[in-house]
Amino acid sequence: MTASFYVGAYWKERPQTLREYVAQSKRFLVRLRDVHPVFLRWMSWGRTPDSAVALLEDLSNLEELIFHRALGEESLFLPSAPDGSPTLDSTCPHGFSTSYATGQDAEGPSVSITTGATSPWLNDSVVIELPTVSEFGEHGLVKKLLEVMVENWSPRTVVVSSHAFNRKLNGMDAKLPIVGWMIWLADRSARDMLPPGVQNESLAGGLLVRTTRELLSSESPDQVATARQIRDQLREHGFLD
């Protein structure tokens, strides 16, 4: 399997109706087309191999797809239809979730959108998975993806990392926050708490922090050490949970 990394946006306590989830998902998928032509076409899979649905070029079947996926969830929808199924005005404690792939091949980019949770204990997230051995590993292209995520979702943080790097950084402690190749924070005052010499810049109304301009590697002790320093400083001062 081709090595991959991800661009993940995270926040919490922002409920959405199913109607709002559909509209914001559609805006995001359209915006991705401006970043790279690989995002022109999408496939979506449910829980079974025969559940694949190809999205039309104008995304006119997106609402039907998302509504159908919500019907398959055993969840409490408020308000709901008489049979308990969702309406477009429904919210859900764990939000709504749909995954998409570009359909180019099994190793191509994919997107997961899990947002709208009414539960204060759950995070919302939008995650783009990308192959490492591709042009997406270029700093400029990843930065464009990050900007689109921030502008569309207004997250608290956006992380660019890989699961291999995360394991080197935090070991098996899933409670520790992640700092990867890049991390974007909505609160620009985090700049004052960074270790000396750490690369950073203002971006999309927040602060972009970089451990390196090259694609991160879990085999690089220096990158892991730098990310750990950034993580500890930002966590100590309340910028990371």
Protein backbone atom coordinates (compact mmCIF):
# COMPACT_ATOMS: atom_id res chain seq x y z
CA MET A 1 0.00 0.00 0.00
CA THR A 2 1.26 3.45 -0.87
CA ALA A 3 2.30 5.56 2.13
CA SER A 4 -0.12 8.37 2.87
CA PHE A 5 -0.55 11.48 4.94
CA TYR A 6 -3.59 13.55 5.83
CA VAL A 7 -4.87 17.08 6.23
CA GLY A 8 -7.35 17.07 9.10
CA ALA A 9 -9.54 19.92 10.41
CA TYR A 10 -11.00 19.67 13.93
CA TRP A 11 -13.45 21.55 16.16
CA LYS A 12 -16.38 20.81 18.47
CA GLU A 13 -19.76 22.02 19.72
CA ARG A 14 -21.15 23.27 16.41
CA PRO A 15 -24.45 21.44 15.72
CA GLN A 16 -25.75 21.26 12.16
CA THR A 17 -29.02 20.18 10.64
CA LEU A 18 -28.87 17.60 7.89
CA ARG A 19 -29.74 20.38 5.43
CA GLU A 20 -26.77 22.47 6.61
CA TYR A 21 -24.48 19.44 6.48
CA VAL A 22 -25.43 18.77 2.85
CA ALA A 23 -24.94 22.41 1.81
CA GLN A 24 -21.56 22.80 3.49
CA SER A 25 -20.31 19.44 2.19
CA LYS A 26 -21.28 20.45 -1.33
CA ARG A 27 -19.49 23.82 -1.07
CA PHE A 28 -16.37 22.07 0.14
CA LEU A 29 -16.28 19.44 -2.61
CA VAL A 30 -16.76 22.20 -5.20
CA ARG A 31 -13.96 24.30 -3.68
CA LEU A 32 -11.54 21.36 -3.83
CA ARG A 33 -11.86 21.41 -7.62
CA ASP A 34 -10.07 24.76 -7.64
CA VAL A 35 -7.07 23.15 -5.93
CA HIS A 36 -6.50 20.16 -8.23
CA PRO A 37 -8.36 18.37 -11.06
CA VAL A 38 -8.16 15.03 -9.22
CA PHE A 39 -11.10 16.33 -7.17
CA LEU A 40 -13.40 16.75 -10.17
CA ARG A 41 -15.15 13.40 -9.66
CA TRP A 42 -16.16 11.51 -6.55
CA MET A 43 -17.35 8.09 -5.47
CA SER A 44 -18.93 7.36 -2.10
CA TRP A 45 -19.07 4.00 -0.34
CA GLY A 46 -21.34 2.93 2.48
CA ARG A 47 -20.90 -0.12 4.68
CA THR A 48 -21.06 -2.75 1.94
CA PRO A 49 -19.08 -3.25 -1.30
CA ASP A 50 -22.22 -2.85 -3.42
CA SER A 51 -23.10 0.53 -1.86
CA ALA A 52 -20.82 2.60 -4.11
CA VAL A 53 -22.46 5.69 -5.61
CA ALA A 54 -20.87 7.92 -8.24
CA LEU A 55 -21.58 11.58 -7.66
CA LEU A 56 -22.75 13.48 -10.71
CA GLU A 57 -20.46 16.19 -12.00
CA ASP A 58 -22.78 18.93 -10.74
CA LEU A 59 -23.23 17.06 -7.40
CA SER A 60 -27.01 17.17 -7.92
CA ASN A 61 -27.37 13.71 -6.32
CA LEU A 62 -25.36 14.60 -3.20
CA GLU A 63 -28.39 15.43 -1.05
CA GLU A 64 -30.08 12.14 -1.95
CA LEU A 65 -26.89 10.21 -1.18
CA ILE A 66 -26.34 11.82 2.23
CA PHE A 67 -30.02 11.48 3.20
CA HIS A 68 -29.97 7.79 2.23
CA ARG A 69 -26.82 7.21 4.33
CA ALA A 70 -28.44 8.95 7.32
CA LEU A 71 -31.46 6.64 7.01
CA GLY A 72 -29.13 3.69 7.58
CA GLU A 73 -27.91 5.03 10.92
CA GLU A 74 -29.49 3.82 14.16
CA SER A 75 -29.55 7.26 15.76
CA LEU A 76 -31.81 9.71 17.53
CA PHE A 77 -32.83 12.43 15.09
CA LEU A 78 -34.46 15.61 16.39
CA PRO A 79 -36.88 16.53 14.96
CA SER A 80 -37.74 13.33 13.12
CA ALA A 81 -40.41 11.91 10.86
CA PRO A 82 -43.18 9.85 12.56
CA ASP A 83 -41.20 6.64 11.93
CA GLY A 84 -38.10 8.10 13.59
CA SER A 85 -36.21 8.71 10.35
CA PRO A 86 -34.43 12.03 9.77
CA THR A 87 -35.72 15.08 7.95
CA LEU A 88 -33.57 17.78 6.40
CA ASP A 89 -34.13 19.83 9.58
CA SER A 90 -32.92 17.04 11.88
CA THR A 91 -29.84 17.17 14.10
CA CYS A 92 -28.10 14.13 15.57
CA PRO A 93 -25.99 13.64 18.75
CA HIS A 94 -23.04 12.24 16.78
CA GLY A 95 -23.61 14.42 13.71
CA PHE A 96 -23.52 13.16 10.15
CA SER A 97 -20.72 11.34 8.34
CA THR A 98 -19.96 10.60 4.69
CA SER A 99 -16.76 9.44 2.99
CA TYR A 100 -15.70 10.06 -0.59
CA ALA A 101 -12.91 8.86 -2.87
CA THR A 102 -11.74 10.31 -6.15
CA GLY A 103 -12.31 6.95 -7.82
CA GLN A 104 -9.00 7.12 -9.68
CA ASP A 105 -7.65 4.03 -7.88
CA ALA A 106 -7.51 2.51 -4.42
CA GLU A 107 -4.50 4.63 -3.50
CA GLY A 108 -6.00 7.97 -4.59
CA PRO A 109 -7.14 10.88 -2.42
CA SER A 110 -10.19 10.48 -0.20
CA VAL A 111 -12.26 12.75 2.02
CA SER A 112 -14.22 12.05 5.19
CA ILE A 113 -16.69 14.64 6.51
CA THR A 114 -17.99 14.03 10.05
CA THR A 115 -19.63 17.17 11.40
CA GLY A 116 -22.68 18.60 13.14
CA ALA A 117 -22.51 16.66 16.42
CA THR A 118 -24.80 18.01 19.14
CA SER A 119 -22.92 16.07 21.84
CA PRO A 120 -20.32 18.23 23.65
CA TRP A 121 -18.11 15.14 24.01
CA LEU A 122 -17.56 14.60 20.29
CA ASN A 123 -15.22 16.36 17.88
CA ASP A 124 -16.20 17.36 14.38
CA SER A 125 -13.65 16.59 11.69
CA VAL A 126 -12.95 16.84 7.99
CA VAL A 127 -10.01 14.72 6.84
CA ILE A 128 -8.36 14.47 3.42
CA GLU A 129 -6.11 11.43 2.95
CA LEU A 130 -3.39 11.83 0.30
CA PRO A 131 -0.68 9.57 -1.14
CA THR A 132 2.81 10.60 -0.03
CA VAL A 133 4.41 9.73 -3.37
CA SER A 134 2.62 12.41 -5.37
CA GLU A 135 2.61 16.12 -6.08
CA PHE A 136 0.40 16.55 -3.03
CA GLY A 137 3.55 16.26 -0.97
CA GLU A 138 4.56 19.71 -2.20
CA HIS A 139 4.35 22.46 0.40
CA GLY A 140 2.41 24.89 -1.80
CA LEU A 141 -0.33 22.43 -2.78
CA VAL A 142 -0.89 21.24 0.77
CA LYS A 143 -1.09 24.86 1.88
CA LYS A 144 -3.86 25.51 -0.67
CA LEU A 145 -5.82 22.51 0.63
CA LEU A 146 -5.39 23.76 4.17
CA GLU A 147 -6.67 27.23 3.24
CA VAL A 148 -9.78 25.76 1.59
CA MET A 149 -10.49 23.69 4.70
CA VAL A 150 -10.15 26.72 6.98
CA GLU A 151 -12.31 28.96 4.79
CA ASN A 152 -15.07 26.36 4.43
CA TRP A 153 -15.19 24.87 7.94
CA SER A 154 -13.73 27.49 10.34
CA PRO A 155 -12.01 24.85 12.49
CA ARG A 156 -10.06 25.34 15.69
CA THR A 157 -7.04 23.46 14.34
CA VAL A 158 -5.85 21.84 11.11
CA VAL A 159 -3.10 19.23 11.21
CA VAL A 160 -0.98 17.91 8.34
CA SER A 161 0.62 14.64 9.43
CA SER A 162 0.81 10.89 8.88
CA HIS A 163 -0.22 8.03 11.16
CA ALA A 164 3.37 6.76 11.18
CA PHE A 165 4.63 10.16 12.33
CA ASN A 166 1.92 10.35 15.01
CA ARG A 167 3.04 7.01 16.45
CA LYS A 168 6.63 8.24 16.67
CA LEU A 169 5.45 11.50 18.26
CA ASN A 170 2.97 10.22 20.84
CA GLY A 171 3.54 6.48 21.03
CA MET A 172 0.32 4.71 22.02
CA ASP A 173 -1.09 7.67 24.00
CA ALA A 174 -4.18 8.63 21.99
CA LYS A 175 -4.97 11.47 24.40
CA LEU A 176 -1.97 13.56 23.38
CA PRO A 177 -2.58 16.20 20.69
CA ILE A 178 -0.97 15.85 17.28
CA VAL A 179 1.54 18.23 15.72
CA GLY A 180 2.76 17.05 12.33
CA TRP A 181 4.39 18.56 9.29
CA MET A 182 2.16 21.61 9.74
CA ILE A 183 -0.43 22.74 12.24
CA TRP A 184 -2.81 25.66 11.76
CA LEU A 185 -4.38 27.33 14.79
CA ALA A 186 -7.31 29.74 14.74
CA ASP A 187 -5.75 31.68 17.63
CA ARG A 188 -2.81 33.66 16.24
CA SER A 189 -1.56 34.56 19.72
CA ALA A 190 -0.11 31.03 19.84
CA ARG A 191 2.89 32.54 18.00
CA ASP A 192 4.18 33.97 21.29
CA MET A 193 4.33 30.48 22.83
CA LEU A 194 6.31 28.70 20.09
CA PRO A 195 9.83 27.43 20.78
CA PRO A 196 12.56 29.72 19.38
CA GLY A 197 13.27 29.37 15.65
CA VAL A 198 10.06 27.51 14.72
CA GLN A 199 8.79 28.49 11.25
CA ASN A 200 5.39 30.18 11.28
CA GLU A 201 3.25 32.58 9.27
CA SER A 202 -0.18 34.20 9.33
CA LEU A 203 -2.64 32.33 7.12
CA ALA A 204 -6.41 32.49 6.59
CA GLY A 205 -6.96 34.52 9.75
CA GLY A 206 -4.94 32.15 11.94
CA LEU A 207 -1.38 30.90 12.45
CA LEU A 208 0.39 28.24 10.37
CA VAL A 209 3.27 26.49 12.15
CA ARG A 210 5.71 24.23 10.31
CA THR A 211 8.18 21.68 11.62
CA THR A 212 9.82 21.56 8.18
CA ARG A 213 9.26 22.70 4.59
CA GLU A 214 9.87 19.14 3.39
CA LEU A 215 7.36 16.31 3.66
CA LEU A 216 7.61 14.94 7.17
CA SER A 217 9.24 11.61 7.88
CA SER A 218 8.69 9.40 10.92
CA GLU A 219 12.31 8.34 10.48
CA SER A 220 13.64 11.84 11.16
CA PRO A 221 14.53 12.29 14.87
CA ASP A 222 14.90 16.05 14.36
CA GLN A 223 11.39 16.44 12.92
CA VAL A 224 9.87 14.33 15.70
CA ALA A 225 11.77 16.29 18.37
CA THR A 226 10.68 19.64 16.89
CA ALA A 227 7.06 18.53 16.70
CA ARG A 228 7.20 17.32 20.31
CA GLN A 229 8.55 20.68 21.48
CA ILE A 230 5.79 22.54 19.64
CA ARG A 231 3.14 20.17 20.99
CA ASP A 232 4.28 20.55 24.59
CA GLN A 233 4.49 24.34 24.44
CA LEU A 234 1.10 24.80 22.81
CA ARG A 235 -0.54 22.27 25.11
CA GLU A 236 0.95 23.86 28.23
CA HIS A 237 -0.54 27.24 27.29
CA GLY A 238 -3.99 25.91 26.35
CA PHE A 239 -3.79 26.12 22.55
CA LEU A 240 -4.10 22.34 22.17
CA ASP A 241 -6.33 19.98 24.18
